[in-house]
Full PDB file with SEQRES, HELIX, SHEET, SSBOND, CRYST1, ORIGX, SCALE, CONECT and MASTER records, all heavy atoms in Angstrom:
SEQRES   1 A   41  HIS LYS ASN LYS THR ARG HIS LEU ILE GLU PRO GLY CYS          
SEQRES   2 A   41  ARG ASN CYS LEU HIS GLY VAL LYS LYS LYS GLY VAL SER          
SEQRES   3 A   41  ASN ILE PRO SER ASP TRP ASP VAL GLU ASN MET GLU TRP          
SEQRES   4 A   41  ASN TYR                                                      
HELIX    1 AA1 ARG A    6  LEU A    8  5                                   3    
HELIX    2 AA2 CYS A   13  ASN A   15  5                                   3    
HELIX    3 AA3 LEU A   17  GLY A   19  5                                   3    
SHEET    1 AA1 2 TRP A  32  ASP A  33  0                                        
SHEET    2 AA1 2 GLU A  38  TRP A  39 -1                                        
CRYST1    1.000    1.000    1.000  90.00  90.00  90.00 P 1           1          
ORIGX1      1.000000  0.000000  0.000000        0.00000                         
ORIGX2      0.000000  1.000000  0.000000        0.00000                         
ORIGX3      0.000000  0.000000  1.000000        0.00000                         
SCALE1      1.000000  0.000000  0.000000        0.00000                         
SCALE2      0.000000  1.000000  0.000000        0.00000                         
SCALE3      0.000000  0.000000  1.000000        0.00000                         
ATOM      1  N   HIS A   1     -72.807 -47.771  15.642  1.00  0.00           N  
ATOM      2  CA  HIS A   1     -73.929 -48.200  16.484  1.00  0.00           C  
ATOM      3  C   HIS A   1     -75.147 -48.563  15.619  1.00  0.00           C  
ATOM      4  O   HIS A   1     -75.772 -49.577  15.886  1.00  0.00           O  
ATOM      5  CB  HIS A   1     -74.331 -47.090  17.446  1.00  0.00           C  
ATOM      6  CG  HIS A   1     -73.453 -47.098  18.648  1.00  0.00           C  
ATOM      7  ND1 HIS A   1     -73.707 -47.791  19.784  1.00  0.00           N  
ATOM      8  CD2 HIS A   1     -72.258 -46.407  18.919  1.00  0.00           C  
ATOM      9  CE1 HIS A   1     -72.762 -47.632  20.706  1.00  0.00           C  
ATOM     10  NE2 HIS A   1     -71.873 -46.746  20.175  1.00  0.00           N  
ATOM     11  N   LYS A   2     -75.400 -47.824  14.609  1.00  0.00           N  
ATOM     12  CA  LYS A   2     -76.549 -48.116  13.711  1.00  0.00           C  
ATOM     13  C   LYS A   2     -76.339 -49.427  13.020  1.00  0.00           C  
ATOM     14  O   LYS A   2     -77.279 -50.203  12.905  1.00  0.00           O  
ATOM     15  CB  LYS A   2     -76.686 -47.001  12.676  1.00  0.00           C  
ATOM     16  CG  LYS A   2     -77.829 -47.186  11.701  1.00  0.00           C  
ATOM     17  CD  LYS A   2     -77.887 -46.032  10.782  1.00  0.00           C  
ATOM     18  CE  LYS A   2     -79.052 -46.215   9.758  1.00  0.00           C  
ATOM     19  NZ  LYS A   2     -79.149 -45.077   8.799  1.00  0.00           N  
ATOM     20  N   ASN A   3     -75.130 -49.733  12.656  1.00  0.00           N  
ATOM     21  CA  ASN A   3     -74.828 -50.994  11.904  1.00  0.00           C  
ATOM     22  C   ASN A   3     -74.398 -52.126  12.796  1.00  0.00           C  
ATOM     23  O   ASN A   3     -73.972 -53.191  12.335  1.00  0.00           O  
ATOM     24  CB  ASN A   3     -73.696 -50.682  10.888  1.00  0.00           C  
ATOM     25  CG  ASN A   3     -74.103 -49.715   9.822  1.00  0.00           C  
ATOM     26  OD1 ASN A   3     -75.224 -49.672   9.397  1.00  0.00           O  
ATOM     27  ND2 ASN A   3     -73.195 -48.794   9.457  1.00  0.00           N  
ATOM     28  N   LYS A   4     -74.607 -51.981  14.105  1.00  0.00           N  
ATOM     29  CA  LYS A   4     -74.324 -52.994  15.101  1.00  0.00           C  
ATOM     30  C   LYS A   4     -72.861 -53.517  15.092  1.00  0.00           C  
ATOM     31  O   LYS A   4     -72.581 -54.666  15.213  1.00  0.00           O  
ATOM     32  CB  LYS A   4     -75.292 -54.216  14.855  1.00  0.00           C  
ATOM     33  CG  LYS A   4     -76.694 -53.865  14.813  1.00  0.00           C  
ATOM     34  CD  LYS A   4     -77.240 -53.425  16.192  1.00  0.00           C  
ATOM     35  CE  LYS A   4     -78.673 -52.936  16.218  1.00  0.00           C  
ATOM     36  NZ  LYS A   4     -79.601 -53.392  15.407  1.00  0.00           N  
ATOM     37  N   THR A   5     -71.911 -52.563  14.945  1.00  0.00           N  
ATOM     38  CA  THR A   5     -70.525 -52.867  14.992  1.00  0.00           C  
ATOM     39  C   THR A   5     -69.800 -52.106  16.149  1.00  0.00           C  
ATOM     40  O   THR A   5     -68.598 -52.033  16.157  1.00  0.00           O  
ATOM     41  CB  THR A   5     -69.827 -52.578  13.669  1.00  0.00           C  
ATOM     42  OG1 THR A   5     -70.012 -51.206  13.302  1.00  0.00           O  
ATOM     43  CG2 THR A   5     -70.412 -53.439  12.598  1.00  0.00           C  
ATOM     44  N   ARG A   6     -70.586 -51.611  17.077  1.00  0.00           N  
ATOM     45  CA  ARG A   6     -69.957 -50.826  18.187  1.00  0.00           C  
ATOM     46  C   ARG A   6     -69.019 -51.618  19.040  1.00  0.00           C  
ATOM     47  O   ARG A   6     -68.156 -51.079  19.682  1.00  0.00           O  
ATOM     48  CB  ARG A   6     -71.058 -50.157  19.048  1.00  0.00           C  
ATOM     49  CG  ARG A   6     -72.063 -51.205  19.640  1.00  0.00           C  
ATOM     50  CD  ARG A   6     -71.723 -51.547  21.057  1.00  0.00           C  
ATOM     51  NE  ARG A   6     -72.558 -52.582  21.578  1.00  0.00           N  
ATOM     52  CZ  ARG A   6     -72.431 -53.161  22.756  1.00  0.00           C  
ATOM     53  NH1 ARG A   6     -71.466 -52.665  23.627  1.00  0.00           N  
ATOM     54  NH2 ARG A   6     -73.209 -54.146  23.189  1.00  0.00           N  
ATOM     55  N   HIS A   7     -69.153 -52.971  18.983  1.00  0.00           N  
ATOM     56  CA  HIS A   7     -68.227 -53.828  19.827  1.00  0.00           C  
ATOM     57  C   HIS A   7     -66.769 -53.759  19.252  1.00  0.00           C  
ATOM     58  O   HIS A   7     -65.869 -54.227  19.965  1.00  0.00           O  
ATOM     59  CB  HIS A   7     -68.715 -55.306  19.761  1.00  0.00           C  
ATOM     60  CG  HIS A   7     -68.805 -55.886  18.339  1.00  0.00           C  
ATOM     61  ND1 HIS A   7     -69.933 -55.628  17.597  1.00  0.00           N  
ATOM     62  CD2 HIS A   7     -67.959 -56.697  17.678  1.00  0.00           C  
ATOM     63  CE1 HIS A   7     -69.748 -56.271  16.408  1.00  0.00           C  
ATOM     64  NE2 HIS A   7     -68.578 -56.925  16.443  1.00  0.00           N  
ATOM     65  N   LEU A   8     -66.599 -53.205  18.026  1.00  0.00           N  
ATOM     66  CA  LEU A   8     -65.212 -53.084  17.521  1.00  0.00           C  
ATOM     67  C   LEU A   8     -64.504 -51.887  18.121  1.00  0.00           C  
ATOM     68  O   LEU A   8     -63.298 -51.708  17.898  1.00  0.00           O  
ATOM     69  CB  LEU A   8     -65.288 -52.885  16.005  1.00  0.00           C  
ATOM     70  CG  LEU A   8     -65.946 -54.061  15.245  1.00  0.00           C  
ATOM     71  CD1 LEU A   8     -65.961 -53.736  13.727  1.00  0.00           C  
ATOM     72  CD2 LEU A   8     -65.156 -55.341  15.479  1.00  0.00           C  
ATOM     73  N   ILE A   9     -65.215 -50.985  18.858  1.00  0.00           N  
ATOM     74  CA  ILE A   9     -64.633 -49.843  19.504  1.00  0.00           C  
ATOM     75  C   ILE A   9     -64.088 -50.265  20.886  1.00  0.00           C  
ATOM     76  O   ILE A   9     -64.791 -50.358  21.876  1.00  0.00           O  
ATOM     77  CB  ILE A   9     -65.624 -48.706  19.625  1.00  0.00           C  
ATOM     78  CG1 ILE A   9     -66.253 -48.336  18.310  1.00  0.00           C  
ATOM     79  CG2 ILE A   9     -64.944 -47.506  20.270  1.00  0.00           C  
ATOM     80  CD1 ILE A   9     -67.361 -47.387  18.466  1.00  0.00           C  
ATOM     81  N   GLU A  10     -62.793 -50.594  20.922  1.00  0.00           N  
ATOM     82  CA  GLU A  10     -62.156 -51.077  22.167  1.00  0.00           C  
ATOM     83  C   GLU A  10     -60.725 -50.462  22.281  1.00  0.00           C  
ATOM     84  O   GLU A  10     -59.950 -50.604  21.374  1.00  0.00           O  
ATOM     85  CB  GLU A  10     -62.097 -52.617  22.143  1.00  0.00           C  
ATOM     86  CG  GLU A  10     -61.625 -53.125  23.488  1.00  0.00           C  
ATOM     87  CD  GLU A  10     -61.520 -54.664  23.508  1.00  0.00           C  
ATOM     88  OE1 GLU A  10     -61.611 -55.258  22.487  1.00  0.00           O  
ATOM     89  OE2 GLU A  10     -61.267 -55.225  24.560  1.00  0.00           O  
ATOM     90  N   PRO A  11     -60.497 -49.854  23.423  1.00  0.00           N  
ATOM     91  CA  PRO A  11     -61.395 -49.639  24.511  1.00  0.00           C  
ATOM     92  C   PRO A  11     -62.472 -48.621  24.244  1.00  0.00           C  
ATOM     93  O   PRO A  11     -62.237 -47.781  23.442  1.00  0.00           O  
ATOM     94  CB  PRO A  11     -60.448 -49.170  25.687  1.00  0.00           C  
ATOM     95  CG  PRO A  11     -59.322 -48.506  24.930  1.00  0.00           C  
ATOM     96  CD  PRO A  11     -59.152 -49.236  23.699  1.00  0.00           C  
ATOM     97  N   GLY A  12     -63.586 -48.776  24.882  1.00  0.00           N  
ATOM     98  CA  GLY A  12     -64.751 -47.909  24.639  1.00  0.00           C  
ATOM     99  C   GLY A  12     -65.999 -48.689  24.675  1.00  0.00           C  
ATOM    100  O   GLY A  12     -66.327 -49.364  25.639  1.00  0.00           O  
ATOM    101  N   CYS A  13     -66.754 -48.562  23.570  1.00  0.00           N  
ATOM    102  CA  CYS A  13     -68.152 -49.116  23.508  1.00  0.00           C  
ATOM    103  C   CYS A  13     -68.247 -50.573  23.675  1.00  0.00           C  
ATOM    104  O   CYS A  13     -69.306 -51.079  24.123  1.00  0.00           O  
ATOM    105  CB  CYS A  13     -68.793 -48.637  22.183  1.00  0.00           C  
ATOM    106  SG  CYS A  13     -68.905 -46.850  21.965  1.00  0.00           S  
ATOM    107  N   ARG A  14     -67.234 -51.301  23.349  1.00  0.00           N  
ATOM    108  CA  ARG A  14     -67.343 -52.776  23.496  1.00  0.00           C  
ATOM    109  C   ARG A  14     -67.677 -53.182  24.915  1.00  0.00           C  
ATOM    110  O   ARG A  14     -68.421 -54.091  25.113  1.00  0.00           O  
ATOM    111  CB  ARG A  14     -66.023 -53.475  23.068  1.00  0.00           C  
ATOM    112  CG  ARG A  14     -66.090 -55.016  23.202  1.00  0.00           C  
ATOM    113  CD  ARG A  14     -64.735 -55.656  23.165  1.00  0.00           C  
ATOM    114  NE  ARG A  14     -64.811 -57.146  23.267  1.00  0.00           N  
ATOM    115  CZ  ARG A  14     -64.990 -57.817  24.391  1.00  0.00           C  
ATOM    116  NH1 ARG A  14     -65.092 -57.106  25.569  1.00  0.00           N  
ATOM    117  NH2 ARG A  14     -65.075 -59.074  24.417  1.00  0.00           N  
ATOM    118  N   ASN A  15     -67.049 -52.555  25.879  1.00  0.00           N  
ATOM    119  CA  ASN A  15     -67.152 -52.926  27.251  1.00  0.00           C  
ATOM    120  C   ASN A  15     -68.171 -52.078  28.017  1.00  0.00           C  
ATOM    121  O   ASN A  15     -68.170 -52.055  29.298  1.00  0.00           O  
ATOM    122  CB  ASN A  15     -65.812 -52.867  27.956  1.00  0.00           C  
ATOM    123  CG  ASN A  15     -64.837 -53.872  27.342  1.00  0.00           C  
ATOM    124  OD1 ASN A  15     -65.139 -55.056  27.099  1.00  0.00           O  
ATOM    125  ND2 ASN A  15     -63.628 -53.378  27.006  1.00  0.00           N  
ATOM    126  N   CYS A  16     -69.054 -51.335  27.334  1.00  0.00           N  
ATOM    127  CA  CYS A  16     -70.041 -50.562  27.920  1.00  0.00           C  
ATOM    128  C   CYS A  16     -71.085 -51.395  28.735  1.00  0.00           C  
ATOM    129  O   CYS A  16     -71.560 -52.375  28.114  1.00  0.00           O  
ATOM    130  CB  CYS A  16     -70.788 -49.657  26.939  1.00  0.00           C  
ATOM    131  SG  CYS A  16     -72.065 -48.592  27.653  1.00  0.00           S  
ATOM    132  N   LEU A  17     -71.328 -51.019  29.957  1.00  0.00           N  
ATOM    133  CA  LEU A  17     -72.236 -51.859  30.785  1.00  0.00           C  
ATOM    134  C   LEU A  17     -73.696 -51.624  30.390  1.00  0.00           C  
ATOM    135  O   LEU A  17     -74.510 -52.370  30.893  1.00  0.00           O  
ATOM    136  CB  LEU A  17     -71.990 -51.536  32.245  1.00  0.00           C  
ATOM    137  CG  LEU A  17     -70.595 -51.956  32.755  1.00  0.00           C  
ATOM    138  CD1 LEU A  17     -70.428 -51.591  34.222  1.00  0.00           C  
ATOM    139  CD2 LEU A  17     -70.422 -53.489  32.621  1.00  0.00           C  
ATOM    140  N   HIS A  18     -73.976 -50.626  29.578  1.00  0.00           N  
ATOM    141  CA  HIS A  18     -75.329 -50.506  29.084  1.00  0.00           C  
ATOM    142  C   HIS A  18     -75.634 -51.602  28.072  1.00  0.00           C  
ATOM    143  O   HIS A  18     -76.726 -51.982  27.852  1.00  0.00           O  
ATOM    144  CB  HIS A  18     -75.582 -49.100  28.430  1.00  0.00           C  
ATOM    145  CG  HIS A  18     -75.587 -48.027  29.419  1.00  0.00           C  
ATOM    146  ND1 HIS A  18     -76.494 -47.881  30.386  1.00  0.00           N  
ATOM    147  CD2 HIS A  18     -74.740 -46.916  29.538  1.00  0.00           C  
ATOM    148  CE1 HIS A  18     -76.239 -46.809  31.098  1.00  0.00           C  
ATOM    149  NE2 HIS A  18     -75.194 -46.186  30.627  1.00  0.00           N  
ATOM    150  N   GLY A  19     -74.543 -52.023  27.349  1.00  0.00           N  
ATOM    151  CA  GLY A  19     -74.741 -52.960  26.201  1.00  0.00           C  
ATOM    152  C   GLY A  19     -74.535 -54.411  26.601  1.00  0.00           C  
ATOM    153  O   GLY A  19     -74.201 -55.245  25.779  1.00  0.00           O  
ATOM    154  N   VAL A  20     -74.772 -54.759  27.847  1.00  0.00           N  
ATOM    155  CA  VAL A  20     -74.617 -56.184  28.241  1.00  0.00           C  
ATOM    156  C   VAL A  20     -76.024 -56.808  28.298  1.00  0.00           C  
ATOM    157  O   VAL A  20     -77.034 -56.120  28.315  1.00  0.00           O  
ATOM    158  CB  VAL A  20     -73.951 -56.254  29.671  1.00  0.00           C  
ATOM    159  CG1 VAL A  20     -72.528 -55.744  29.626  1.00  0.00           C  
ATOM    160  CG2 VAL A  20     -74.784 -55.573  30.752  1.00  0.00           C  
ATOM    161  N   LYS A  21     -76.056 -58.131  28.344  1.00  0.00           N  
ATOM    162  CA  LYS A  21     -77.303 -58.826  28.507  1.00  0.00           C  
ATOM    163  C   LYS A  21     -77.849 -58.611  29.915  1.00  0.00           C  
ATOM    164  O   LYS A  21     -77.216 -58.860  30.896  1.00  0.00           O  
ATOM    165  CB  LYS A  21     -77.106 -60.357  28.231  1.00  0.00           C  
ATOM    166  CG  LYS A  21     -76.647 -60.615  26.793  1.00  0.00           C  
ATOM    167  CD  LYS A  21     -76.372 -62.069  26.613  1.00  0.00           C  
ATOM    168  CE  LYS A  21     -75.922 -62.321  25.140  1.00  0.00           C  
ATOM    169  NZ  LYS A  21     -75.547 -63.751  24.955  1.00  0.00           N  
ATOM    170  N   LYS A  22     -79.061 -58.047  29.957  1.00  0.00           N  
ATOM    171  CA  LYS A  22     -79.606 -57.544  31.226  1.00  0.00           C  
ATOM    172  C   LYS A  22     -80.275 -58.683  32.060  1.00  0.00           C  
ATOM    173  O   LYS A  22     -80.891 -59.561  31.489  1.00  0.00           O  
ATOM    174  CB  LYS A  22     -80.633 -56.397  30.984  1.00  0.00           C  
ATOM    175  CG  LYS A  22     -80.022 -55.163  30.372  1.00  0.00           C  
ATOM    176  CD  LYS A  22     -78.996 -54.566  31.302  1.00  0.00           C  
ATOM    177  CE  LYS A  22     -78.441 -53.280  30.738  1.00  0.00           C  
ATOM    178  NZ  LYS A  22     -77.462 -52.657  31.675  1.00  0.00           N  
ATOM    179  N   LYS A  23     -80.106 -58.558  33.340  1.00  0.00           N  
ATOM    180  CA  LYS A  23     -80.737 -59.525  34.298  1.00  0.00           C  
ATOM    181  C   LYS A  23     -81.858 -58.878  35.100  1.00  0.00           C  
ATOM    182  O   LYS A  23     -82.492 -59.534  35.948  1.00  0.00           O  
ATOM    183  CB  LYS A  23     -79.651 -60.076  35.242  1.00  0.00           C  
ATOM    184  CG  LYS A  23     -78.585 -60.904  34.493  1.00  0.00           C  
ATOM    185  CD  LYS A  23     -77.560 -61.409  35.450  1.00  0.00           C  
ATOM    186  CE  LYS A  23     -76.450 -62.189  34.681  1.00  0.00           C  
ATOM    187  NZ  LYS A  23     -75.439 -62.717  35.630  1.00  0.00           N  
ATOM    188  N   GLY A  24     -82.085 -57.560  34.839  1.00  0.00           N  
ATOM    189  CA  GLY A  24     -83.141 -56.874  35.567  1.00  0.00           C  
ATOM    190  C   GLY A  24     -82.589 -56.005  36.727  1.00  0.00           C  
ATOM    191  O   GLY A  24     -81.585 -56.335  37.357  1.00  0.00           O  
ATOM    192  N   VAL A  25     -83.314 -54.969  37.002  1.00  0.00           N  
ATOM    193  CA  VAL A  25     -82.864 -53.986  37.979  1.00  0.00           C  
ATOM    194  C   VAL A  25     -82.735 -54.617  39.403  1.00  0.00           C  
ATOM    195  O   VAL A  25     -81.880 -54.223  40.198  1.00  0.00           O  
ATOM    196  CB  VAL A  25     -83.834 -52.762  38.033  1.00  0.00           C  
ATOM    197  CG1 VAL A  25     -85.215 -53.186  38.522  1.00  0.00           C  
ATOM    198  CG2 VAL A  25     -83.236 -51.634  38.907  1.00  0.00           C  
ATOM    199  N   SER A  26     -83.588 -55.595  39.707  1.00  0.00           N  
ATOM    200  CA  SER A  26     -83.512 -56.242  41.022  1.00  0.00           C  
ATOM    201  C   SER A  26     -82.525 -57.318  41.189  1.00  0.00           C  
ATOM    202  O   SER A  26     -82.424 -57.956  42.223  1.00  0.00           O  
ATOM    203  CB  SER A  26     -84.948 -56.767  41.406  1.00  0.00           C  
ATOM    204  OG  SER A  26     -85.330 -57.710  40.467  1.00  0.00           O  
ATOM    205  N   ASN A  27     -81.720 -57.545  40.141  1.00  0.00           N  
ATOM    206  CA  ASN A  27     -80.668 -58.593  40.246  1.00  0.00           C  
ATOM    207  C   ASN A  27     -79.587 -58.099  41.197  1.00  0.00           C  
ATOM    208  O   ASN A  27     -79.135 -56.948  41.109  1.00  0.00           O  
ATOM    209  CB  ASN A  27     -80.060 -58.867  38.817  1.00  0.00           C  
ATOM    210  CG  ASN A  27     -78.872 -59.777  38.906  1.00  0.00           C  
ATOM    211  OD1 ASN A  27     -78.999 -60.932  39.287  1.00  0.00           O  
ATOM    212  ND2 ASN A  27     -77.714 -59.222  38.551  1.00  0.00           N  
ATOM    213  N   ILE A  28     -79.097 -59.009  42.040  1.00  0.00           N  
ATOM    214  CA  ILE A  28     -77.990 -58.731  42.893  1.00  0.00           C  
ATOM    215  C   ILE A  28     -76.784 -59.651  42.402  1.00  0.00           C  
ATOM    216  O   ILE A  28     -76.965 -60.881  42.497  1.00  0.00           O  
ATOM    217  CB  ILE A  28     -78.291 -59.018  44.367  1.00  0.00           C  
ATOM    218  CG1 ILE A  28     -79.496 -58.194  44.840  1.00  0.00           C  
ATOM    219  CG2 ILE A  28     -77.092 -58.755  45.217  1.00  0.00           C  
ATOM    220  CD1 ILE A  28     -79.923 -58.434  46.256  1.00  0.00           C  
ATOM    221  N   PRO A  29     -75.730 -59.088  41.928  1.00  0.00           N  
ATOM    222  CA  PRO A  29     -74.636 -59.902  41.401  1.00  0.00           C  
ATOM    223  C   PRO A  29     -74.106 -60.869  42.420  1.00  0.00           C  
ATOM    224  O   PRO A  29     -74.134 -60.637  43.642  1.00  0.00           O  
ATOM    225  CB  PRO A  29     -73.592 -58.895  41.018  1.00  0.00           C  
ATOM    226  CG  PRO A  29     -74.330 -57.640  40.807  1.00  0.00           C  
ATOM    227  CD  PRO A  29     -75.425 -57.654  41.781  1.00  0.00           C  
ATOM    228  N   SER A  30     -73.733 -62.077  41.970  1.00  0.00           N  
ATOM    229  CA  SER A  30     -73.308 -63.137  42.921  1.00  0.00           C  
ATOM    230  C   SER A  30     -72.101 -62.751  43.720  1.00  0.00           C  
ATOM    231  O   SER A  30     -71.904 -63.319  44.830  1.00  0.00           O  
ATOM    232  CB  SER A  30     -72.949 -64.388  42.092  1.00  0.00           C  
ATOM    233  OG  SER A  30     -71.959 -64.142  41.102  1.00  0.00           O  
ATOM    234  N   ASP A  31     -71.217 -61.858  43.233  1.00  0.00           N  
ATOM    235  CA  ASP A  31     -70.064 -61.492  44.023  1.00  0.00           C  
ATOM    236  C   ASP A  31     -70.222 -60.146  44.719  1.00  0.00           C  
ATOM    237  O   ASP A  31     -69.207 -59.473  45.121  1.00  0.00           O  
ATOM    238  CB  ASP A  31     -68.816 -61.485  43.164  1.00  0.00           C  
ATOM    239  CG  ASP A  31     -68.919 -60.633  41.923  1.00  0.00           C  
ATOM    240  OD1 ASP A  31     -70.044 -60.227  41.585  1.00  0.00           O  
ATOM    241  OD2 ASP A  31     -67.891 -60.439  41.303  1.00  0.00           O  
ATOM    242  N   TRP A  32     -71.497 -59.702  44.919  1.00  0.00           N  
ATOM    243  CA  TRP A  32     -71.780 -58.561  45.750  1.00  0.00           C  
ATOM    244  C   TRP A  32     -72.052 -59.013  47.166  1.00  0.00           C  
ATOM    245  O   TRP A  32     -72.905 -59.814  47.386  1.00  0.00           O  
ATOM    246  CB  TRP A  32     -72.982 -57.740  45.196  1.00  0.00           C  
ATOM    247  CG  TRP A  32     -73.348 -56.574  46.039  1.00  0.00           C  
ATOM    248  CD1 TRP A  32     -74.257 -56.551  47.071  1.00  0.00           C  
ATOM    249  CD2 TRP A  32     -72.777 -55.231  45.942  1.00  0.00           C  
ATOM    250  NE1 TRP A  32     -74.324 -55.331  47.580  1.00  0.00           N  
ATOM    251  CE2 TRP A  32     -73.438 -54.483  46.955  1.00  0.00           C  
ATOM    252  CE3 TRP A  32     -71.824 -54.655  45.133  1.00  0.00           C  
ATOM    253  CZ2 TRP A  32     -73.136 -53.138  47.135  1.00  0.00           C  
ATOM    254  CZ3 TRP A  32     -71.547 -53.316  45.372  1.00  0.00           C  
ATOM    255  CH2 TRP A  32     -72.197 -52.559  46.338  1.00  0.00           C  
ATOM    256  N   ASP A  33     -71.317 -58.472  48.093  1.00  0.00           N  
ATOM    257  CA  ASP A  33     -71.401 -58.838  49.495  1.00  0.00           C  
ATOM    258  C   ASP A  33     -72.542 -57.960  50.129  1.00  0.00           C  
ATOM    259  O   ASP A  33     -72.340 -56.766  50.391  1.00  0.00           O  
ATOM    260  CB  ASP A  33     -70.107 -58.555  50.235  1.00  0.00           C  
ATOM    261  CG  ASP A  33     -70.084 -59.033  51.677  1.00  0.00           C  
ATOM    262  OD1 ASP A  33     -71.188 -59.212  52.247  1.00  0.00           O  
ATOM    263  OD2 ASP A  33     -69.009 -59.147  52.283  1.00  0.00           O  
ATOM    264  N   VAL A  34     -73.708 -58.577  50.431  1.00  0.00           N  
ATOM    265  CA  VAL A  34     -74.873 -57.856  50.849  1.00  0.00           C  
ATOM    266  C   VAL A  34     -74.751 -57.468  52.319  1.00  0.00           C  
ATOM    267  O   VAL A  34     -75.504 -56.597  52.827  1.00  0.00           O  
ATOM    268  CB  VAL A  34     -76.184 -58.641  50.608  1.00  0.00           C  
ATOM    269  CG1 VAL A  34     -76.457 -58.792  49.156  1.00  0.00           C  
ATOM    270  CG2 VAL A  34     -76.093 -59.997  51.306  1.00  0.00           C  
ATOM    271  N   GLU A  35     -73.864 -58.153  53.064  1.00  0.00           N  
ATOM    272  CA  GLU A  35     -73.637 -57.846  54.471  1.00  0.00           C  
ATOM    273  C   GLU A  35     -72.837 -56.517  54.618  1.00  0.00           C  
ATOM    274  O   GLU A  35     -73.192 -55.652  55.397  1.00  0.00           O  
ATOM    275  CB  GLU A  35     -72.969 -58.922  55.185  1.00  0.00           C  
ATOM    276  CG  GLU A  35     -72.735 -58.631  56.694  1.00  0.00           C  
ATOM    277  CD  GLU A  35     -72.117 -59.789  57.421  1.00  0.00           C  
ATOM    278  OE1 GLU A  35     -71.911 -60.904  56.825  1.00  0.00           O  
ATOM    279  OE2 GLU A  35     -71.764 -59.620  58.658  1.00  0.00           O  
ATOM    280  N   ASN A  36     -71.790 -56.409  53.874  1.00  0.00           N  
ATOM    281  CA  ASN A  36     -70.922 -55.252  53.931  1.00  0.00           C  
ATOM    282  C   ASN A  36     -71.174 -54.212  52.848  1.00  0.00           C  
ATOM    283  O   ASN A  36     -70.523 -53.184  52.811  1.00  0.00           O  
ATOM    284  CB  ASN A  36     -69.411 -55.699  53.865  1.00  0.00           C  
ATOM    285  CG  ASN A  36     -69.040 -56.638  55.010  1.00  0.00           C  
ATOM    286  OD1 ASN A  36     -69.213 -56.219  56.194  1.00  0.00           O  
ATOM    287  ND2 ASN A  36     -68.494 -57.741  54.689  1.00  0.00           N  
ATOM    288  N   MET A  37     -72.072 -54.433  51.971  1.00  0.00           N  
ATOM    289  CA  MET A  37     -72.468 -53.514  50.894  1.00  0.00           C  
ATOM    290  C   MET A  37     -71.211 -53.123  50.050  1.00  0.00           C  
ATOM    291  O   MET A  37     -70.925 -51.915  49.888  1.00  0.00           O  
ATOM    292  CB  MET A  37     -73.125 -52.286  51.472  1.00  0.00           C  
ATOM    293  CG  MET A  37     -74.555 -52.518  51.842  1.00  0.00           C  
ATOM    294  SD  MET A  37     -75.636 -52.796  50.423  1.00  0.00           S  
ATOM    295  CE  MET A  37     -76.455 -54.270  50.954  1.00  0.00           C  
ATOM    296  N   GLU A  38     -70.572 -54.160  49.526  1.00  0.00           N  
ATOM    297  CA  GLU A  38     -69.429 -53.890  48.641  1.00  0.00           C  
ATOM    298  C   GLU A  38     -69.136 -55.205  47.832  1.00  0.00           C  
ATOM    299  O   GLU A  38     -69.671 -56.220  48.115  1.00  0.00           O  
ATOM    300  CB  GLU A  38     -68.149 -53.564  49.498  1.00  0.00           C  
ATOM    301  CG  GLU A  38     -67.747 -54.701  50.439  1.00  0.00           C  
ATOM    302  CD  GLU A  38     -66.582 -54.318  51.263  1.00  0.00           C  
ATOM    303  OE1 GLU A  38     -66.211 -53.129  51.299  1.00  0.00           O  
ATOM    304  OE2 GLU A  38     -65.973 -55.191  51.969  1.00  0.00           O  
ATOM    305  N   TRP A  39     -68.306 -55.005  46.815  1.00  0.00           N  
ATOM    306  CA  TRP A  39     -67.860 -56.141  46.074  1.00  0.00           C  
ATOM    307  C   TRP A  39     -66.933 -57.062  46.898  1.00  0.00           C  
ATOM    308  O   TRP A  39     -66.285 -56.552  47.775  1.00  0.00           O  
ATOM    309  CB  TRP A  39     -67.050 -55.723  44.830  1.00  0.00           C  
ATOM    310  CG  TRP A  39     -67.950 -54.920  43.813  1.00  0.00           C  
ATOM    311  CD1 TRP A  39     -67.909 -53.620  43.556  1.00  0.00           C  
ATOM    312  CD2 TRP A  39     -68.913 -55.444  42.999  1.00  0.00           C  
ATOM    313  NE1 TRP A  39     -68.800 -53.280  42.630  1.00  0.00           N  
ATOM    314  CE2 TRP A  39     -69.482 -54.391  42.198  1.00  0.00           C  
ATOM    315  CE3 TRP A  39     -69.486 -56.737  42.738  1.00  0.00           C  
ATOM    316  CZ2 TRP A  39     -70.474 -54.541  41.273  1.00  0.00           C  
ATOM    317  CZ3 TRP A  39     -70.487 -56.889  41.835  1.00  0.00           C  
ATOM    318  CH2 TRP A  39     -70.977 -55.833  41.058  1.00  0.00           C  
ATOM    319  N   ASN A  40     -67.007 -58.277  46.591  1.00  0.00           N  
ATOM    320  CA  ASN A  40     -66.159 -59.271  47.335  1.00  0.00           C  
ATOM    321  C   ASN A  40     -64.654 -58.994  47.175  1.00  0.00           C  
ATOM    322  O   ASN A  40     -63.869 -59.236  48.059  1.00  0.00           O  
ATOM    323  CB  ASN A  40     -66.409 -60.701  46.857  1.00  0.00           C  
ATOM    324  CG  ASN A  40     -67.760 -61.199  47.347  1.00  0.00           C  
ATOM    325  OD1 ASN A  40     -68.323 -60.714  48.322  1.00  0.00           O  
ATOM    326  ND2 ASN A  40     -68.304 -62.172  46.629  1.00  0.00           N  
ATOM    327  N   TYR A  41     -64.287 -58.367  46.109  1.00  0.00           N  
ATOM    328  CA  TYR A  41     -62.959 -57.860  45.902  1.00  0.00           C  
ATOM    329  C   TYR A  41     -62.999 -56.577  45.033  1.00  0.00           C  
ATOM    330  O   TYR A  41     -63.977 -56.348  44.256  1.00  0.00           O  
ATOM    331  CB  TYR A  41     -62.031 -58.878  45.256  1.00  0.00           C  
ATOM    332  CG  TYR A  41     -62.255 -59.084  43.734  1.00  0.00           C  
ATOM    333  CD1 TYR A  41     -61.534 -58.360  42.779  1.00  0.00           C  
ATOM    334  CD2 TYR A  41     -63.302 -59.929  43.288  1.00  0.00           C  
ATOM    335  CE1 TYR A  41     -61.784 -58.488  41.473  1.00  0.00           C  
ATOM    336  CE2 TYR A  41     -63.607 -60.007  41.948  1.00  0.00           C  
ATOM    337  CZ  TYR A  41     -62.847 -59.366  41.014  1.00  0.00           C  
ATOM    338  OH  TYR A  41     -63.095 -59.431  39.643  1.00  0.00           O  
TER     339      TYR A  41                                                      
MASTER        0    0    0    3    2    0    0    6  338    1    0    4          
END                                                                             
C-alpha cells in the first residue's frame, strides 16, 4: 500500500471499493433502481 502496488493483490485489495475513483456521497449509480430501492439486477 505504501508503494502503491496494492492493485497486485487479487483477489483482495485490487477490487476494494474504497480504492475506486469517487463520484461523491450523493451520487446515485446509473443502474440503481430508485423506485424499488435495489440494483437493476
